[in-house]
Amino acid sequence: MPLSLAPHITSARTPGGLVLLNTRTGRYWQLNDTGTLVLEHLLAGGSCTSAAAELRTRHPEAADRVEADTVGLLETLKSAELVTT
């Protein structure tokens, strides 16, 4: 099942990334450009592995940690109920 933003989440682009607003609680989350790239990649049907591969090409100095960081971001988004699968 593809990933999507939860129905109660709205998003807005910012100069530095993306803001996600939980309309039920009023709480918001801010993603930087890298987090935005990962989320948009996942929302478009990509996997954590393919998102990490994209990040490795953009940030080779961080190649050893991008996979774990990508999975960690997805788990955080899920636990905060910002995305659904």
N, C-alpha and C. Protein backbone atom coordinates (compact mmCIF):
# COMPACT_ATOMS: atom_id res chain seq x y z
N MET A 1 0.84 -1.18 0.00
CA MET A 1 0.00 0.00 0.00
C MET A 1 0.89 1.25 0.00
N PRO A 2 0.58 2.21 -0.85
CA PRO A 2 1.42 3.41 -0.93
C PRO A 2 1.28 4.30 0.31
N LEU A 3 2.29 5.07 0.52
CA LEU A 3 2.31 6.03 1.63
C LEU A 3 1.54 7.27 1.22
N SER A 4 0.82 7.86 2.17
CA SER A 4 0.14 9.14 1.91
C SER A 4 0.12 9.95 3.19
N LEU A 5 -0.09 11.25 3.03
CA LEU A 5 -0.29 12.09 4.21
C LEU A 5 -1.60 11.68 4.86
N ALA A 6 -1.63 11.68 6.17
CA ALA A 6 -2.87 11.39 6.88
C ALA A 6 -3.91 12.44 6.50
N PRO A 7 -5.19 12.08 6.54
CA PRO A 7 -6.23 13.01 6.11
C PRO A 7 -6.27 14.32 6.91
N HIS A 8 -5.82 14.30 8.13
CA HIS A 8 -5.86 15.49 8.98
C HIS A 8 -4.57 16.31 8.92
N ILE A 9 -3.72 16.01 7.95
CA ILE A 9 -2.44 16.71 7.79
C ILE A 9 -2.49 17.59 6.54
N THR A 10 -2.10 18.85 6.71
CA THR A 10 -1.93 19.73 5.56
C THR A 10 -0.45 20.09 5.47
N SER A 11 -0.03 20.46 4.30
CA SER A 11 1.38 20.78 4.11
C SER A 11 1.53 22.10 3.38
N ALA A 12 2.65 22.75 3.64
CA ALA A 12 2.97 24.01 2.97
C ALA A 12 4.47 24.07 2.75
N ARG A 13 4.85 24.43 1.56
CA ARG A 13 6.27 24.61 1.24
C ARG A 13 6.79 25.86 1.91
N THR A 14 8.04 25.78 2.32
CA THR A 14 8.74 26.94 2.89
C THR A 14 10.05 27.08 2.13
N PRO A 15 10.74 28.19 2.29
CA PRO A 15 12.03 28.33 1.61
C PRO A 15 13.04 27.24 2.01
N GLY A 16 12.91 26.69 3.21
CA GLY A 16 13.86 25.68 3.65
C GLY A 16 13.34 24.26 3.67
N GLY A 17 12.12 24.03 3.14
CA GLY A 17 11.59 22.67 3.15
C GLY A 17 10.08 22.62 3.13
N LEU A 18 9.51 22.01 4.17
CA LEU A 18 8.08 21.76 4.20
C LEU A 18 7.58 21.81 5.63
N VAL A 19 6.39 22.35 5.83
CA VAL A 19 5.74 22.33 7.14
C VAL A 19 4.50 21.45 7.03
N LEU A 20 4.36 20.55 8.00
CA LEU A 20 3.19 19.68 8.08
C LEU A 20 2.39 20.11 9.30
N LEU A 21 1.11 20.34 9.12
CA LEU A 21 0.24 20.78 10.21
C LEU A 21 -0.81 19.71 10.50
N ASN A 22 -0.89 19.30 11.75
CA ASN A 22 -1.94 18.40 12.19
C ASN A 22 -3.14 19.27 12.54
N THR A 23 -4.18 19.22 11.71
CA THR A 23 -5.33 20.09 11.91
C THR A 23 -6.18 19.67 13.11
N ARG A 24 -5.97 18.49 13.63
CA ARG A 24 -6.70 18.04 14.83
C ARG A 24 -6.10 18.64 16.10
N THR A 25 -4.76 18.69 16.13
CA THR A 25 -4.08 19.11 17.36
C THR A 25 -3.50 20.51 17.28
N GLY A 26 -3.29 21.01 16.07
CA GLY A 26 -2.63 22.29 15.89
C GLY A 26 -1.12 22.19 15.94
N ARG A 27 -0.61 21.00 16.15
CA ARG A 27 0.84 20.81 16.20
C ARG A 27 1.40 20.77 14.78
N TYR A 28 2.58 21.36 14.62
CA TYR A 28 3.19 21.33 13.30
C TYR A 28 4.59 20.75 13.37
N TRP A 29 5.03 20.26 12.24
CA TRP A 29 6.36 19.66 12.07
C TRP A 29 7.01 20.35 10.89
N GLN A 30 8.29 20.66 11.04
CA GLN A 30 9.01 21.30 9.97
C GLN A 30 10.09 20.35 9.47
N LEU A 31 10.10 20.13 8.16
CA LEU A 31 11.12 19.31 7.52
C LEU A 31 12.07 20.22 6.75
N ASN A 32 13.36 19.92 6.83
CA ASN A 32 14.33 20.66 6.02
C ASN A 32 14.27 20.13 4.59
N ASP A 33 15.11 20.65 3.72
CA ASP A 33 15.10 20.24 2.32
C ASP A 33 15.32 18.75 2.15
N THR A 34 16.21 18.17 2.94
CA THR A 34 16.50 16.74 2.82
C THR A 34 15.30 15.92 3.28
N GLY A 35 14.71 16.29 4.40
CA GLY A 35 13.52 15.58 4.86
C GLY A 35 12.38 15.69 3.87
N THR A 36 12.24 16.86 3.25
CA THR A 36 11.22 17.06 2.24
C THR A 36 11.46 16.16 1.04
N LEU A 37 12.70 16.07 0.59
CA LEU A 37 13.04 15.20 -0.53
C LEU A 37 12.65 13.76 -0.21
N VAL A 38 12.98 13.30 0.99
CA VAL A 38 12.66 11.92 1.38
C VAL A 38 11.15 11.73 1.42
N LEU A 39 10.43 12.61 2.09
CA LEU A 39 8.98 12.46 2.19
C LEU A 39 8.34 12.47 0.80
N GLU A 40 8.70 13.41 -0.04
CA GLU A 40 8.11 13.48 -1.38
C GLU A 40 8.44 12.23 -2.19
N HIS A 41 9.64 11.71 -2.02
CA HIS A 41 10.03 10.48 -2.71
C HIS A 41 9.14 9.32 -2.25
N LEU A 42 8.93 9.21 -0.96
CA LEU A 42 8.09 8.14 -0.42
C LEU A 42 6.63 8.31 -0.83
N LEU A 43 6.13 9.54 -0.82
CA LEU A 43 4.75 9.79 -1.24
C LEU A 43 4.54 9.48 -2.72
N ALA A 44 5.59 9.59 -3.51
CA ALA A 44 5.51 9.29 -4.94
C ALA A 44 5.64 7.79 -5.23
N GLY A 45 5.74 6.98 -4.17
CA GLY A 45 5.80 5.54 -4.36
C GLY A 45 7.18 4.94 -4.22
N GLY A 46 8.18 5.76 -3.93
CA GLY A 46 9.53 5.25 -3.74
C GLY A 46 9.69 4.56 -2.40
N SER A 47 10.80 3.91 -2.24
CA SER A 47 11.11 3.19 -1.01
C SER A 47 12.19 3.93 -0.23
N CYS A 48 12.39 3.51 1.01
CA CYS A 48 13.49 4.08 1.79
C CYS A 48 14.83 3.80 1.11
N THR A 49 14.95 2.63 0.52
CA THR A 49 16.20 2.26 -0.16
C THR A 49 16.46 3.17 -1.36
N SER A 50 15.41 3.43 -2.15
CA SER A 50 15.62 4.30 -3.33
C SER A 50 15.81 5.76 -2.90
N ALA A 51 15.16 6.18 -1.83
CA ALA A 51 15.38 7.54 -1.32
C ALA A 51 16.82 7.68 -0.82
N ALA A 52 17.31 6.65 -0.13
CA ALA A 52 18.69 6.67 0.37
C ALA A 52 19.67 6.71 -0.80
N ALA A 53 19.38 6.00 -1.86
CA ALA A 53 20.27 6.01 -3.03
C ALA A 53 20.35 7.41 -3.62
N GLU A 54 19.21 8.09 -3.69
CA GLU A 54 19.20 9.48 -4.18
C GLU A 54 20.03 10.38 -3.28
N LEU A 55 19.87 10.20 -1.97
CA LEU A 55 20.64 11.03 -1.03
C LEU A 55 22.14 10.75 -1.13
N ARG A 56 22.51 9.50 -1.37
CA ARG A 56 23.94 9.17 -1.52
C ARG A 56 24.57 9.92 -2.69
N THR A 57 23.81 10.08 -3.77
CA THR A 57 24.36 10.80 -4.92
C THR A 57 24.48 12.30 -4.62
N ARG A 58 23.56 12.81 -3.83
CA ARG A 58 23.58 14.24 -3.49
C ARG A 58 24.55 14.56 -2.36
N HIS A 59 24.73 13.61 -1.44
CA HIS A 59 25.55 13.83 -0.25
C HIS A 59 26.46 12.62 0.00
N PRO A 60 27.45 12.42 -0.86
CA PRO A 60 28.30 11.24 -0.70
C PRO A 60 29.05 11.20 0.63
N GLU A 61 29.25 12.34 1.24
CA GLU A 61 29.95 12.37 2.54
C GLU A 61 29.12 11.73 3.65
N ALA A 62 27.82 11.56 3.42
CA ALA A 62 26.93 10.96 4.43
C ALA A 62 26.45 9.57 4.01
N ALA A 63 27.10 8.98 3.03
CA ALA A 63 26.64 7.71 2.46
C ALA A 63 26.45 6.60 3.48
N ASP A 64 27.25 6.61 4.54
CA ASP A 64 27.18 5.52 5.52
C ASP A 64 25.97 5.62 6.43
N ARG A 65 25.27 6.74 6.44
CA ARG A 65 24.15 6.86 7.37
C ARG A 65 22.80 7.19 6.73
N VAL A 66 22.76 7.41 5.43
CA VAL A 66 21.50 7.86 4.82
C VAL A 66 20.40 6.81 4.88
N GLU A 67 20.73 5.55 4.77
CA GLU A 67 19.68 4.51 4.83
C GLU A 67 19.02 4.53 6.21
N ALA A 68 19.80 4.51 7.26
CA ALA A 68 19.25 4.52 8.62
C ALA A 68 18.48 5.82 8.89
N ASP A 69 18.99 6.93 8.41
CA ASP A 69 18.30 8.21 8.61
C ASP A 69 16.96 8.24 7.88
N THR A 70 16.92 7.67 6.69
CA THR A 70 15.69 7.63 5.90
C THR A 70 14.63 6.77 6.60
N VAL A 71 15.04 5.60 7.05
CA VAL A 71 14.12 4.71 7.77
C VAL A 71 13.67 5.39 9.06
N GLY A 72 14.58 6.04 9.76
CA GLY A 72 14.24 6.75 10.99
C GLY A 72 13.23 7.85 10.77
N LEU A 73 13.38 8.60 9.68
CA LEU A 73 12.41 9.65 9.37
C LEU A 73 11.04 9.06 9.11
N LEU A 74 10.99 7.98 8.33
CA LEU A 74 9.70 7.35 8.05
C LEU A 74 9.05 6.86 9.34
N GLU A 75 9.80 6.25 10.22
CA GLU A 75 9.24 5.77 11.48
C GLU A 75 8.73 6.94 12.34
N THR A 76 9.44 8.04 12.34
CA THR A 76 9.00 9.22 13.08
C THR A 76 7.71 9.78 12.50
N LEU A 77 7.62 9.86 11.18
CA LEU A 77 6.41 10.36 10.54
C LEU A 77 5.21 9.46 10.84
N LYS A 78 5.45 8.15 10.84
CA LYS A 78 4.38 7.21 11.17
C LYS A 78 3.95 7.33 12.62
N SER A 79 4.92 7.37 13.53
CA SER A 79 4.57 7.41 14.96
C SER A 79 3.87 8.72 15.34
N ALA A 80 4.15 9.79 14.60
CA ALA A 80 3.49 11.07 14.82
C ALA A 80 2.14 11.14 14.10
N GLU A 81 1.79 10.06 13.41
CA GLU A 81 0.54 9.96 12.66
C GLU A 81 0.41 11.04 11.58
N LEU A 82 1.54 11.35 10.98
CA LEU A 82 1.55 12.31 9.88
C LEU A 82 1.32 11.65 8.54
N VAL A 83 1.68 10.36 8.44
CA VAL A 83 1.51 9.60 7.21
C VAL A 83 0.80 8.29 7.52
N THR A 84 0.20 7.72 6.50
CA THR A 84 -0.46 6.42 6.61
C THR A 84 0.00 5.53 5.47
N THR A 85 -0.08 4.25 5.71
CA THR A 85 0.27 3.27 4.66
C THR A 85 -0.94 2.43 4.33
